């Protein structure tokens, strides 16, 4: 299917204290596409979104939303985008319905239509039964209301900055279904998240940045195939010293591509060759001696493993 560009940046730069927080970023999001923007804390994700939403001025490069330049045509850009920020942007003394009606009115939507949209969104996001003021809402409920606020004006481009932070599993899946529906309607969505399963489930493409630079880009499956190296064995050792001992042993095997100590007693080993090499890993790497291992598991490489290998850090570090 032919896709048209909704959002694009070219060599986008933002500098703080002489350091490029966003360093010559090239990014494209098409209509009907969700792009996951991933990176460790401080990698430049939120700064990028703030520039694209016209909150911050770039120090270099260009960025456009639906063909409008984010610096020269700020008002036009703001009228076309929806933003669900990390910080709640709600009026605590209003009800959820009143918050949505007010946001819709700010975008020139007639009152009757505004209330219809509000009711529809509250129903989809599991908030229809709440008639009290937002100040009484839990953090997860406010997060879902933020998402409704970002979409009540039916924008073509939507920015979601940690949209499921603090949600329980049931509410998270409600939000995922809602986001999939937005994508199916042709919306262009830029998503940041610390939930790698979320990025894997929702993203058409993933862009991984570190220190403001793009270090990898592709579909979740392509990234796992390119950087995940197939399989991961996780060994839970009895003592921290055992992790070092086993890590030194397995690193000598030619089919082991990456090792990482996860905490004091867990060793993750990326390797190629599937089950056959897993057997070699146990026999050669562990020397057939499982006395140092409390438990072990085998799984396919995940997007989390790709991220860890590329950045050297887990997403929440």
C-alpha atoms as a PDB file:
ATOM      1  CA  UNK A   1       0.000   0.000   0.000  1.00  0.00           C
ATOM      2  CA  UNK A   2       1.294   3.454  -0.914  1.00  0.00           C
ATOM      3  CA  UNK A   3       1.864   5.569   2.189  1.00  0.00           C
ATOM      4  CA  UNK A   4       2.194   9.336   2.302  1.00  0.00           C
ATOM      5  CA  UNK A   5       4.446  11.192   4.709  1.00  0.00           C
ATOM      6  CA  UNK A   6       2.714  12.866   7.651  1.00  0.00           C
ATOM      7  CA  UNK A   7       5.742  13.838   9.726  1.00  0.00           C
ATOM      8  CA  UNK A   8       9.399  14.161   8.821  1.00  0.00           C
ATOM      9  CA  UNK A   9      12.607  15.600  10.208  1.00  0.00           C
ATOM     10  CA  UNK A  10      15.913  16.212   8.483  1.00  0.00           C
ATOM     11  CA  UNK A  11      19.125  16.555  10.513  1.00  0.00           C
ATOM     12  CA  UNK A  12      17.127  17.843  13.501  1.00  0.00           C
ATOM     13  CA  UNK A  13      19.299  19.216  16.327  1.00  0.00           C
ATOM     14  CA  UNK A  14      18.693  20.449  19.870  1.00  0.00           C
ATOM     15  CA  UNK A  15      21.593  21.606  22.046  1.00  0.00           C
ATOM     16  CA  UNK A  16      21.662  22.090  25.813  1.00  0.00           C
ATOM     17  CA  UNK A  17      24.779  23.340  27.554  1.00  0.00           C
ATOM     18  CA  UNK A  18      26.894  22.711  24.500  1.00  0.00           C
ATOM     19  CA  UNK A  19      25.719  19.084  24.208  1.00  0.00           C
ATOM     20  CA  UNK A  20      23.556  17.861  21.332  1.00  0.00           C
ATOM     21  CA  UNK A  21      20.616  16.195  23.081  1.00  0.00           C
ATOM     22  CA  UNK A  22      19.087  15.524  19.647  1.00  0.00           C
ATOM     23  CA  UNK A  23      21.896  15.045  17.149  1.00  0.00           C
ATOM     24  CA  UNK A  24      21.019  15.324  13.440  1.00  0.00           C
ATOM     25  CA  UNK A  25      17.896  13.187  13.678  1.00  0.00           C
ATOM     26  CA  UNK A  26      16.230  11.955  10.478  1.00  0.00           C
ATOM     27  CA  UNK A  27      12.749  10.596  11.142  1.00  0.00           C
ATOM     28  CA  UNK A  28       9.693   9.837   8.995  1.00  0.00           C
ATOM     29  CA  UNK A  29       6.191   8.775  10.045  1.00  0.00           C
ATOM     30  CA  UNK A  30       3.628   7.969   7.374  1.00  0.00           C
ATOM     31  CA  UNK A  31      -0.152   8.121   7.476  1.00  0.00           C
ATOM     32  CA  UNK A  32      -1.505   4.911   8.972  1.00  0.00           C
ATOM     33  CA  UNK A  33       1.837   4.089  10.570  1.00  0.00           C
ATOM     34  CA  UNK A  34       2.964   3.879  14.183  1.00  0.00           C
ATOM     35  CA  UNK A  35       6.650   4.481  14.799  1.00  0.00           C
ATOM     36  CA  UNK A  36       8.085   3.569  18.182  1.00  0.00           C
ATOM     37  CA  UNK A  37      10.827   5.976  19.275  1.00  0.00           C
ATOM     38  CA  UNK A  38      12.921   4.096  21.831  1.00  0.00           C
ATOM     39  CA  UNK A  39      15.955   5.031  23.851  1.00  0.00           C
ATOM     40  CA  UNK A  40      17.387   5.063  27.377  1.00  0.00           C
ATOM     41  CA  UNK A  41      16.424   7.864  29.732  1.00  0.00           C
ATOM     42  CA  UNK A  42      18.053  11.051  28.466  1.00  0.00           C
ATOM     43  CA  UNK A  43      18.402   9.781  24.901  1.00  0.00           C
ATOM     44  CA  UNK A  44      16.407  12.704  23.460  1.00  0.00           C
ATOM     45  CA  UNK A  45      12.965  11.174  22.922  1.00  0.00           C
ATOM     46  CA  UNK A  46      10.839  13.702  24.813  1.00  0.00           C
ATOM     47  CA  UNK A  47      12.956  16.592  23.511  1.00  0.00           C
ATOM     48  CA  UNK A  48      12.250  15.388  19.968  1.00  0.00           C
ATOM     49  CA  UNK A  49       8.512  15.293  20.608  1.00  0.00           C
ATOM     50  CA  UNK A  50       8.560  18.764  22.162  1.00  0.00           C
ATOM     51  CA  UNK A  51      10.236  20.164  19.072  1.00  0.00           C
ATOM     52  CA  UNK A  52       7.739  18.467  16.773  1.00  0.00           C
ATOM     53  CA  UNK A  53       4.887  19.862  18.881  1.00  0.00           C
ATOM     54  CA  UNK A  54       6.405  23.385  18.595  1.00  0.00           C
ATOM     55  CA  UNK A  55       7.076  23.614  22.364  1.00  0.00           C
ATOM     56  CA  UNK A  56      10.843  23.802  21.797  1.00  0.00           C
ATOM     57  CA  UNK A  57      12.658  25.483  18.928  1.00  0.00           C
ATOM     58  CA  UNK A  58      15.215  23.329  17.081  1.00  0.00           C
ATOM     59  CA  UNK A  59      18.822  24.523  16.961  1.00  0.00           C
ATOM     60  CA  UNK A  60      19.359  22.993  13.549  1.00  0.00           C
ATOM     61  CA  UNK A  61      17.766  20.982  10.789  1.00  0.00           C
ATOM     62  CA  UNK A  62      14.123  21.015   9.764  1.00  0.00           C
ATOM     63  CA  UNK A  63      10.894  19.348  10.836  1.00  0.00           C
ATOM     64  CA  UNK A  64       7.458  19.370   9.227  1.00  0.00           C
ATOM     65  CA  UNK A  65       4.034  18.056  10.229  1.00  0.00           C
ATOM     66  CA  UNK A  66       1.625  17.548   7.335  1.00  0.00           C
ATOM     67  CA  UNK A  67       3.883  19.827   5.281  1.00  0.00           C
ATOM     68  CA  UNK A  68       3.894  22.649   7.834  1.00  0.00           C
ATOM     69  CA  UNK A  69       7.236  23.774   9.230  1.00  0.00           C
ATOM     70  CA  UNK A  70       7.323  23.482  13.026  1.00  0.00           C
ATOM     71  CA  UNK A  71       9.189  26.771  13.392  1.00  0.00           C
ATOM     72  CA  UNK A  72       7.555  29.023  10.799  1.00  0.00           C
ATOM     73  CA  UNK A  73       3.993  27.650  11.006  1.00  0.00           C
ATOM     74  CA  UNK A  74       3.505  26.861  14.686  1.00  0.00           C
ATOM     75  CA  UNK A  75      -0.172  27.750  14.917  1.00  0.00           C
ATOM     76  CA  UNK A  76      -0.987  25.604  11.911  1.00  0.00           C
ATOM     77  CA  UNK A  77       0.939  22.629  13.322  1.00  0.00           C
ATOM     78  CA  UNK A  78      -0.757  22.935  16.723  1.00  0.00           C
ATOM     79  CA  UNK A  79      -4.183  22.894  15.123  1.00  0.00           C
ATOM     80  CA  UNK A  80      -3.471  19.557  13.421  1.00  0.00           C
ATOM     81  CA  UNK A  81      -1.812  17.448  16.128  1.00  0.00           C
ATOM     82  CA  UNK A  82      -2.870  15.588  19.235  1.00  0.00           C
ATOM     83  CA  UNK A  83      -0.464  15.168  22.146  1.00  0.00           C
ATOM     84  CA  UNK A  84      -0.624  12.878  25.170  1.00  0.00           C
ATOM     85  CA  UNK A  85       2.369  14.067  27.238  1.00  0.00           C
ATOM     86  CA  UNK A  86       4.049  12.339  30.164  1.00  0.00           C
ATOM     87  CA  UNK A  87       2.700  15.002  32.510  1.00  0.00           C
ATOM     88  CA  UNK A  88      -1.080  15.094  32.948  1.00  0.00           C
ATOM     89  CA  UNK A  89      -2.668  18.066  31.148  1.00  0.00           C
ATOM     90  CA  UNK A  90      -6.098  17.985  32.780  1.00  0.00           C
ATOM     91  CA  UNK A  91      -8.398  20.273  34.744  1.00  0.00           C
ATOM     92  CA  UNK A  92      -8.904  18.565  38.106  1.00  0.00           C
ATOM     93  CA  UNK A  93     -12.080  20.456  39.011  1.00  0.00           C
ATOM     94  CA  UNK A  94     -13.894  19.378  35.844  1.00  0.00           C
ATOM     95  CA  UNK A  95     -15.334  15.965  35.033  1.00  0.00           C
ATOM     96  CA  UNK A  96     -13.791  13.832  32.319  1.00  0.00           C
ATOM     97  CA  UNK A  97     -16.620  14.749  29.951  1.00  0.00           C
ATOM     98  CA  UNK A  98     -16.209  18.464  30.717  1.00  0.00           C
ATOM     99  CA  UNK A  99     -12.451  18.230  30.103  1.00  0.00           C
ATOM    100  CA  UNK A 100     -13.046  16.696  26.692  1.00  0.00           C
ATOM    101  CA  UNK A 101     -15.817  19.121  25.757  1.00  0.00           C
ATOM    102  CA  UNK A 102     -13.576  22.043  26.689  1.00  0.00           C
ATOM    103  CA  UNK A 103     -10.682  20.709  24.579  1.00  0.00           C
ATOM    104  CA  UNK A 104     -13.027  20.167  21.632  1.00  0.00           C
ATOM    105  CA  UNK A 105     -14.427  23.692  21.973  1.00  0.00           C
ATOM    106  CA  UNK A 106     -10.876  25.095  21.851  1.00  0.00           C
ATOM    107  CA  UNK A 107     -10.573  23.473  18.423  1.00  0.00           C
ATOM    108  CA  UNK A 108     -13.836  24.951  17.200  1.00  0.00           C
ATOM    109  CA  UNK A 109     -15.934  21.792  17.421  1.00  0.00           C
ATOM    110  CA  UNK A 110     -19.673  22.596  17.980  1.00  0.00           C
ATOM    111  CA  UNK A 111     -20.991  21.682  21.485  1.00  0.00           C
ATOM    112  CA  UNK A 112     -23.318  18.879  20.392  1.00  0.00           C
ATOM    113  CA  UNK A 113     -20.597  17.181  18.356  1.00  0.00           C
ATOM    114  CA  UNK A 114     -18.072  17.785  21.123  1.00  0.00           C
ATOM    115  CA  UNK A 115     -20.210  15.959  23.680  1.00  0.00           C
ATOM    116  CA  UNK A 116     -20.859  13.100  21.246  1.00  0.00           C
ATOM    117  CA  UNK A 117     -17.128  12.673  20.694  1.00  0.00           C
ATOM    118  CA  UNK A 118     -16.486  12.883  24.430  1.00  0.00           C
ATOM    119  CA  UNK A 119     -19.009  10.155  25.203  1.00  0.00           C
ATOM    120  CA  UNK A 120     -17.613   7.902  22.479  1.00  0.00           C
ATOM    121  CA  UNK A 121     -14.038   8.262  23.708  1.00  0.00           C
ATOM    122  CA  UNK A 122     -14.941   7.763  27.361  1.00  0.00           C
ATOM    123  CA  UNK A 123     -16.752   4.575  26.423  1.00  0.00           C
ATOM    124  CA  UNK A 124     -13.820   3.207  24.416  1.00  0.00           C
ATOM    125  CA  UNK A 125     -11.329   3.974  27.168  1.00  0.00           C
ATOM    126  CA  UNK A 126     -13.381   2.566  30.027  1.00  0.00           C
ATOM    127  CA  UNK A 127     -14.234   5.893  31.672  1.00  0.00           C
ATOM    128  CA  UNK A 128     -17.906   6.261  30.752  1.00  0.00           C
ATOM    129  CA  UNK A 129     -19.137   5.534  34.264  1.00  0.00           C
ATOM    130  CA  UNK A 130     -17.112   8.273  35.946  1.00  0.00           C
ATOM    131  CA  UNK A 131     -19.178  11.408  36.533  1.00  0.00           C
ATOM    132  CA  UNK A 132     -17.045  12.881  39.336  1.00  0.00           C
ATOM    133  CA  UNK A 133     -14.242  15.400  39.116  1.00  0.00           C
ATOM    134  CA  UNK A 134     -10.902  14.384  37.687  1.00  0.00           C
ATOM    135  CA  UNK A 135      -9.160  15.180  40.990  1.00  0.00           C
ATOM    136  CA  UNK A 136     -10.624  11.903  42.289  1.00  0.00           C
ATOM    137  CA  UNK A 137      -9.177   9.825  39.420  1.00  0.00           C
ATOM    138  CA  UNK A 138      -6.320   7.384  39.829  1.00  0.00           C
ATOM    139  CA  UNK A 139      -3.114   7.930  37.885  1.00  0.00           C
ATOM    140  CA  UNK A 140      -4.098   5.238  35.401  1.00  0.00           C
ATOM    141  CA  UNK A 141      -7.499   6.812  34.796  1.00  0.00           C
ATOM    142  CA  UNK A 142      -5.872  10.184  34.208  1.00  0.00           C
ATOM    143  CA  UNK A 143      -3.501   8.558  31.726  1.00  0.00           C
ATOM    144  CA  UNK A 144      -6.446   7.202  29.734  1.00  0.00           C
ATOM    145  CA  UNK A 145      -8.161  10.585  29.875  1.00  0.00           C
ATOM    146  CA  UNK A 146      -4.953  12.191  28.549  1.00  0.00           C
ATOM    147  CA  UNK A 147      -5.244   9.905  25.523  1.00  0.00           C
ATOM    148  CA  UNK A 148      -8.861  10.916  25.001  1.00  0.00           C
ATOM    149  CA  UNK A 149      -7.886  14.600  25.280  1.00  0.00           C
ATOM    150  CA  UNK A 150      -5.225  14.097  22.609  1.00  0.00           C
ATOM    151  CA  UNK A 151      -7.705  12.594  20.136  1.00  0.00           C
ATOM    152  CA  UNK A 152     -11.030  14.347  20.767  1.00  0.00           C
ATOM    153  CA  UNK A 153     -10.366  16.788  17.904  1.00  0.00           C
ATOM    154  CA  UNK A 154      -9.665  13.877  15.520  1.00  0.00           C
ATOM    155  CA  UNK A 155      -6.067  14.891  14.646  1.00  0.00           C
ATOM    156  CA  UNK A 156      -4.151  13.354  11.748  1.00  0.00           C
ATOM    157  CA  UNK A 157      -0.850  13.209  13.660  1.00  0.00           C
ATOM    158  CA  UNK A 158      -0.692  11.976  17.258  1.00  0.00           C
ATOM    159  CA  UNK A 159       2.200  12.047  19.726  1.00  0.00           C
ATOM    160  CA  UNK A 160       2.027   9.522  22.573  1.00  0.00           C
ATOM    161  CA  UNK A 161       4.701   9.953  25.245  1.00  0.00           C
ATOM    162  CA  UNK A 162       4.536   6.933  27.587  1.00  0.00           C
ATOM    163  CA  UNK A 163       0.761   6.468  27.116  1.00  0.00           C
ATOM    164  CA  UNK A 164       0.450   3.362  29.315  1.00  0.00           C
ATOM    165  CA  UNK A 165       2.774   4.323  32.168  1.00  0.00           C
ATOM    166  CA  UNK A 166       1.202   3.253  35.444  1.00  0.00           C
ATOM    167  CA  UNK A 167      -1.638   1.258  33.884  1.00  0.00           C
ATOM    168  CA  UNK A 168      -2.633  -2.210  35.053  1.00  0.00           C
ATOM    169  CA  UNK A 169      -2.561  -5.013  32.437  1.00  0.00           C
ATOM    170  CA  UNK A 170      -6.290  -4.819  31.687  1.00  0.00           C
ATOM    171  CA  UNK A 171      -6.239  -1.041  31.147  1.00  0.00           C
ATOM    172  CA  UNK A 172      -3.065  -1.365  29.084  1.00  0.00           C
ATOM    173  CA  UNK A 173      -4.789  -3.674  26.637  1.00  0.00           C
ATOM    174  CA  UNK A 174      -7.770  -1.282  26.410  1.00  0.00           C
ATOM    175  CA  UNK A 175      -5.331   1.464  25.408  1.00  0.00           C
ATOM    176  CA  UNK A 176      -3.524  -0.822  22.948  1.00  0.00           C
ATOM    177  CA  UNK A 177      -6.814  -1.645  21.216  1.00  0.00           C
ATOM    178  CA  UNK A 178      -7.649   2.060  21.041  1.00  0.00           C
ATOM    179  CA  UNK A 179      -4.252   2.894  19.523  1.00  0.00           C
ATOM    180  CA  UNK A 180      -4.640   0.124  16.939  1.00  0.00           C
ATOM    181  CA  UNK A 181      -8.011   1.604  15.995  1.00  0.00           C
ATOM    182  CA  UNK A 182      -6.425   5.029  15.505  1.00  0.00           C
ATOM    183  CA  UNK A 183      -3.785   3.517  13.246  1.00  0.00           C
ATOM    184  CA  UNK A 184      -6.439   1.683  11.242  1.00  0.00           C
ATOM    185  CA  UNK A 185      -8.129   5.035  10.619  1.00  0.00           C
ATOM    186  CA  UNK A 186      -4.961   6.281   8.918  1.00  0.00           C
ATOM    187  CA  UNK A 187      -3.538   8.338  11.769  1.00  0.00           C
ATOM    188  CA  UNK A 188       0.216   8.872  11.949  1.00  0.00           C
ATOM    189  CA  UNK A 189       1.454   8.048  15.452  1.00  0.00           C
ATOM    190  CA  UNK A 190       4.810   8.636  17.133  1.00  0.00           C
ATOM    191  CA  UNK A 191       5.083   6.605  20.327  1.00  0.00           C
ATOM    192  CA  UNK A 192       7.651   6.597  23.113  1.00  0.00           C
ATOM    193  CA  UNK A 193       7.524   3.830  25.679  1.00  0.00           C
ATOM    194  CA  UNK A 194       9.592   1.985  28.256  1.00  0.00           C
ATOM    195  CA  UNK A 195       7.520  -1.138  27.640  1.00  0.00           C
ATOM    196  CA  UNK A 196       9.335  -3.215  25.031  1.00  0.00           C
ATOM    197  CA  UNK A 197       6.400  -5.579  24.627  1.00  0.00           C
ATOM    198  CA  UNK A 198       4.247  -2.546  23.853  1.00  0.00           C
ATOM    199  CA  UNK A 199       6.726  -1.350  21.236  1.00  0.00           C
ATOM    200  CA  UNK A 200       6.847  -4.826  19.707  1.00  0.00           C
ATOM    201  CA  UNK A 201       3.053  -5.206  19.660  1.00  0.00           C
ATOM    202  CA  UNK A 202       2.135  -1.770  18.293  1.00  0.00           C
ATOM    203  CA  UNK A 203       5.015  -0.491  16.166  1.00  0.00           C
ATOM    204  CA  UNK A 204       5.184  -0.806  12.399  1.00  0.00           C
ATOM    205  CA  UNK A 205       8.734   0.478  12.654  1.00  0.00           C
ATOM    206  CA  UNK A 206      11.061   1.122  15.565  1.00  0.00           C
ATOM    207  CA  UNK A 207      13.700   3.847  15.736  1.00  0.00           C
ATOM    208  CA  UNK A 208      16.256   3.384  18.532  1.00  0.00           C
ATOM    209  CA  UNK A 209      18.195   6.461  19.587  1.00  0.00           C
ATOM    210  CA  UNK A 210      21.019   6.917  22.076  1.00  0.00           C
ATOM    211  CA  UNK A 211      22.715  10.184  22.960  1.00  0.00           C
ATOM    212  CA  UNK A 212      20.438  11.889  20.448  1.00  0.00           C
ATOM    213  CA  UNK A 213      21.548   9.772  17.484  1.00  0.00           C
ATOM    214  CA  UNK A 214      19.719   7.045  15.571  1.00  0.00           C
ATOM    215  CA  UNK A 215      21.571   3.773  16.144  1.00  0.00           C
ATOM    216  CA  UNK A 216      19.074   1.350  14.570  1.00  0.00           C
ATOM    217  CA  UNK A 217      15.811   1.422  12.630  1.00  0.00           C
ATOM    218  CA  UNK A 218      13.455  -1.159  11.168  1.00  0.00           C
ATOM    219  CA  UNK A 219      10.437  -3.303  11.845  1.00  0.00           C
ATOM    220  CA  UNK A 220      10.520  -5.087  15.232  1.00  0.00           C
ATOM    221  CA  UNK A 221      10.993  -8.420  13.472  1.00  0.00           C
ATOM    222  CA  UNK A 222      13.781  -7.122  11.244  1.00  0.00           C
ATOM    223  CA  UNK A 223      15.634  -5.687  14.238  1.00  0.00           C
ATOM    224  CA  UNK A 224      15.333  -8.955  16.133  1.00  0.00           C
ATOM    225  CA  UNK A 225      16.624 -10.892  13.145  1.00  0.00           C
ATOM    226  CA  UNK A 226      19.464  -8.452  12.509  1.00  0.00           C
ATOM    227  CA  UNK A 227      20.621  -7.831  16.088  1.00  0.00           C
ATOM    228  CA  UNK A 228      18.922 -10.401  18.292  1.00  0.00           C
ATOM    229  CA  UNK A 229      21.028 -13.368  17.138  1.00  0.00           C
ATOM    230  CA  UNK A 230      18.255 -15.887  17.498  1.00  0.00           C
ATOM    231  CA  UNK A 231      18.110 -17.317  21.020  1.00  0.00           C
ATOM    232  CA  UNK A 232      18.751 -16.280  24.602  1.00  0.00           C
ATOM    233  CA  UNK A 233      19.647 -18.553  27.497  1.00  0.00           C
ATOM    234  CA  UNK A 234      19.126 -17.106  30.946  1.00  0.00           C
ATOM    235  CA  UNK A 235      21.014 -18.716  33.825  1.00  0.00           C
ATOM    236  CA  UNK A 236      20.156 -17.915  37.427  1.00  0.00           C
ATOM    237  CA  UNK A 237      23.260 -18.665  39.456  1.00  0.00           C
ATOM    238  CA  UNK A 238      23.591 -19.465  43.115  1.00  0.00           C
ATOM    239  CA  UNK A 239      26.194 -16.791  43.833  1.00  0.00           C
ATOM    240  CA  UNK A 240      27.334 -13.543  42.107  1.00  0.00           C
ATOM    241  CA  UNK A 241      30.859 -14.942  41.632  1.00  0.00           C
ATOM    242  CA  UNK A 242      29.375 -17.779  39.591  1.00  0.00           C
ATOM    243  CA  UNK A 243      28.040 -15.293  37.031  1.00  0.00           C
ATOM    244  CA  UNK A 244      31.559 -14.051  36.335  1.00  0.00           C
ATOM    245  CA  UNK A 245      32.893 -17.608  36.091  1.00  0.00           C
ATOM    246  CA  UNK A 246      30.229 -18.766  33.640  1.00  0.00           C
ATOM    247  CA  UNK A 247      30.418 -15.564  31.610  1.00  0.00           C
ATOM    248  CA  UNK A 248      34.127 -16.103  31.024  1.00  0.00           C
ATOM    249  CA  UNK A 249      33.486 -19.689  29.950  1.00  0.00           C
ATOM    250  CA  UNK A 250      30.661 -19.098  27.472  1.00  0.00           C
ATOM    251  CA  UNK A 251      32.310 -16.018  25.920  1.00  0.00           C
ATOM    252  CA  UNK A 252      34.886 -18.356  24.360  1.00  0.00           C
ATOM    253  CA  UNK A 253      32.253 -20.184  22.287  1.00  0.00           C
ATOM    254  CA  UNK A 254      32.133 -18.971  18.693  1.00  0.00           C
ATOM    255  CA  UNK A 255      28.317 -19.107  18.491  1.00  0.00           C
ATOM    256  CA  UNK A 256      27.846 -16.871  21.558  1.00  0.00           C
ATOM    257  CA  UNK A 257      27.368 -13.313  20.347  1.00  0.00           C
ATOM    258  CA  UNK A 258      26.595 -11.324  23.483  1.00  0.00           C
ATOM    259  CA  UNK A 259      26.465 -11.810  27.251  1.00  0.00           C
ATOM    260  CA  UNK A 260      25.008  -9.595  29.918  1.00  0.00           C
ATOM    261  CA  UNK A 261      24.879  -9.817  33.703  1.00  0.00           C
ATOM    262  CA  UNK A 262      21.319  -8.956  34.715  1.00  0.00           C
ATOM    263  CA  UNK A 263      21.591  -8.082  38.379  1.00  0.00           C
ATOM    264  CA  UNK A 264      23.872 -10.012  40.706  1.00  0.00           C
ATOM    265  CA  UNK A 265      22.922 -13.582  39.896  1.00  0.00           C
ATOM    266  CA  UNK A 266      21.403 -13.744  36.388  1.00  0.00           C
ATOM    267  CA  UNK A 267      23.447 -14.194  33.214  1.00  0.00           C
ATOM    268  CA  UNK A 268      21.806 -13.659  29.795  1.00  0.00           C
ATOM    269  CA  UNK A 269      23.543 -15.283  26.829  1.00  0.00           C
ATOM    270  CA  UNK A 270      22.666 -14.465  23.209  1.00  0.00           C
ATOM    271  CA  UNK A 271      23.658 -17.179  20.767  1.00  0.00           C
ATOM    272  CA  UNK A 272      22.970 -18.459  17.264  1.00  0.00           C
ATOM    273  CA  UNK A 273      22.137 -21.970  16.146  1.00  0.00           C
ATOM    274  CA  UNK A 274      19.031 -22.760  18.177  1.00  0.00           C
ATOM    275  CA  UNK A 275      18.599 -25.919  20.259  1.00  0.00           C
ATOM    276  CA  UNK A 276      21.702 -27.672  18.893  1.00  0.00           C
ATOM    277  CA  UNK A 277      23.949 -24.881  20.102  1.00  0.00           C
ATOM    278  CA  UNK A 278      22.019 -24.674  23.357  1.00  0.00           C
ATOM    279  CA  UNK A 279      23.134 -28.234  24.012  1.00  0.00           C
ATOM    280  CA  UNK A 280      26.738 -27.220  23.215  1.00  0.00           C
ATOM    281  CA  UNK A 281      26.358 -24.237  25.509  1.00  0.00           C
ATOM    282  CA  UNK A 282      25.457 -26.529  28.391  1.00  0.00           C
ATOM    283  CA  UNK A 283      28.121 -29.125  27.619  1.00  0.00           C
ATOM    284  CA  UNK A 284      31.008 -26.869  26.611  1.00  0.00           C
ATOM    285  CA  UNK A 285      30.263 -23.519  28.205  1.00  0.00           C
ATOM    286  CA  UNK A 286      29.128 -24.991  31.486  1.00  0.00           C
ATOM    287  CA  UNK A 287      31.393 -27.987  31.139  1.00  0.00           C
ATOM    288  CA  UNK A 288      28.424 -30.248  31.746  1.00  0.00           C
ATOM    289  CA  UNK A 289      28.419 -28.974  35.332  1.00  0.00           C
ATOM    290  CA  UNK A 290      25.118 -27.416  36.419  1.00  0.00           C
ATOM    291  CA  UNK A 291      26.105 -27.174  40.080  1.00  0.00           C
ATOM    292  CA  UNK A 292      26.586 -23.400  39.750  1.00  0.00           C
ATOM    293  CA  UNK A 293      23.142 -22.894  38.201  1.00  0.00           C
ATOM    294  CA  UNK A 294      19.953 -22.602  40.212  1.00  0.00           C
ATOM    295  CA  UNK A 295      17.656 -22.446  37.159  1.00  0.00           C
ATOM    296  CA  UNK A 296      17.846 -21.881  33.412  1.00  0.00           C
ATOM    297  CA  UNK A 297      15.503 -20.992  30.581  1.00  0.00           C
ATOM    298  CA  UNK A 298      15.628 -20.721  26.804  1.00  0.00           C
ATOM    299  CA  UNK A 299      13.683 -18.212  24.712  1.00  0.00           C
ATOM    300  CA  UNK A 300      13.741 -16.358  21.423  1.00  0.00           C
ATOM    301  CA  UNK A 301      15.530 -13.017  21.332  1.00  0.00           C
ATOM    302  CA  UNK A 302      13.217 -10.076  22.081  1.00  0.00           C
ATOM    303  CA  UNK A 303      13.246  -6.390  21.253  1.00  0.00           C
ATOM    304  CA  UNK A 304      14.579  -5.856  24.773  1.00  0.00           C
ATOM    305  CA  UNK A 305      17.609  -7.984  23.879  1.00  0.00           C
ATOM    306  CA  UNK A 306      18.169  -5.941  20.721  1.00  0.00           C
ATOM    307  CA  UNK A 307      17.969  -2.722  22.697  1.00  0.00           C
ATOM    308  CA  UNK A 308      20.362  -3.999  25.350  1.00  0.00           C
ATOM    309  CA  UNK A 309      22.891  -5.155  22.785  1.00  0.00           C
ATOM    310  CA  UNK A 310      22.826  -1.856  20.868  1.00  0.00           C
ATOM    311  CA  UNK A 311      22.882   0.537  23.824  1.00  0.00           C
ATOM    312  CA  UNK A 312      24.515  -1.532  26.545  1.00  0.00           C
ATOM    313  CA  UNK A 313      21.646  -0.531  28.830  1.00  0.00           C
ATOM    314  CA  UNK A 314      18.168  -1.687  29.620  1.00  0.00           C
ATOM    315  CA  UNK A 315      15.420   0.722  28.619  1.00  0.00           C
ATOM    316  CA  UNK A 316      14.722   1.951  32.155  1.00  0.00           C
ATOM    317  CA  UNK A 317      18.348   2.542  33.132  1.00  0.00           C
END
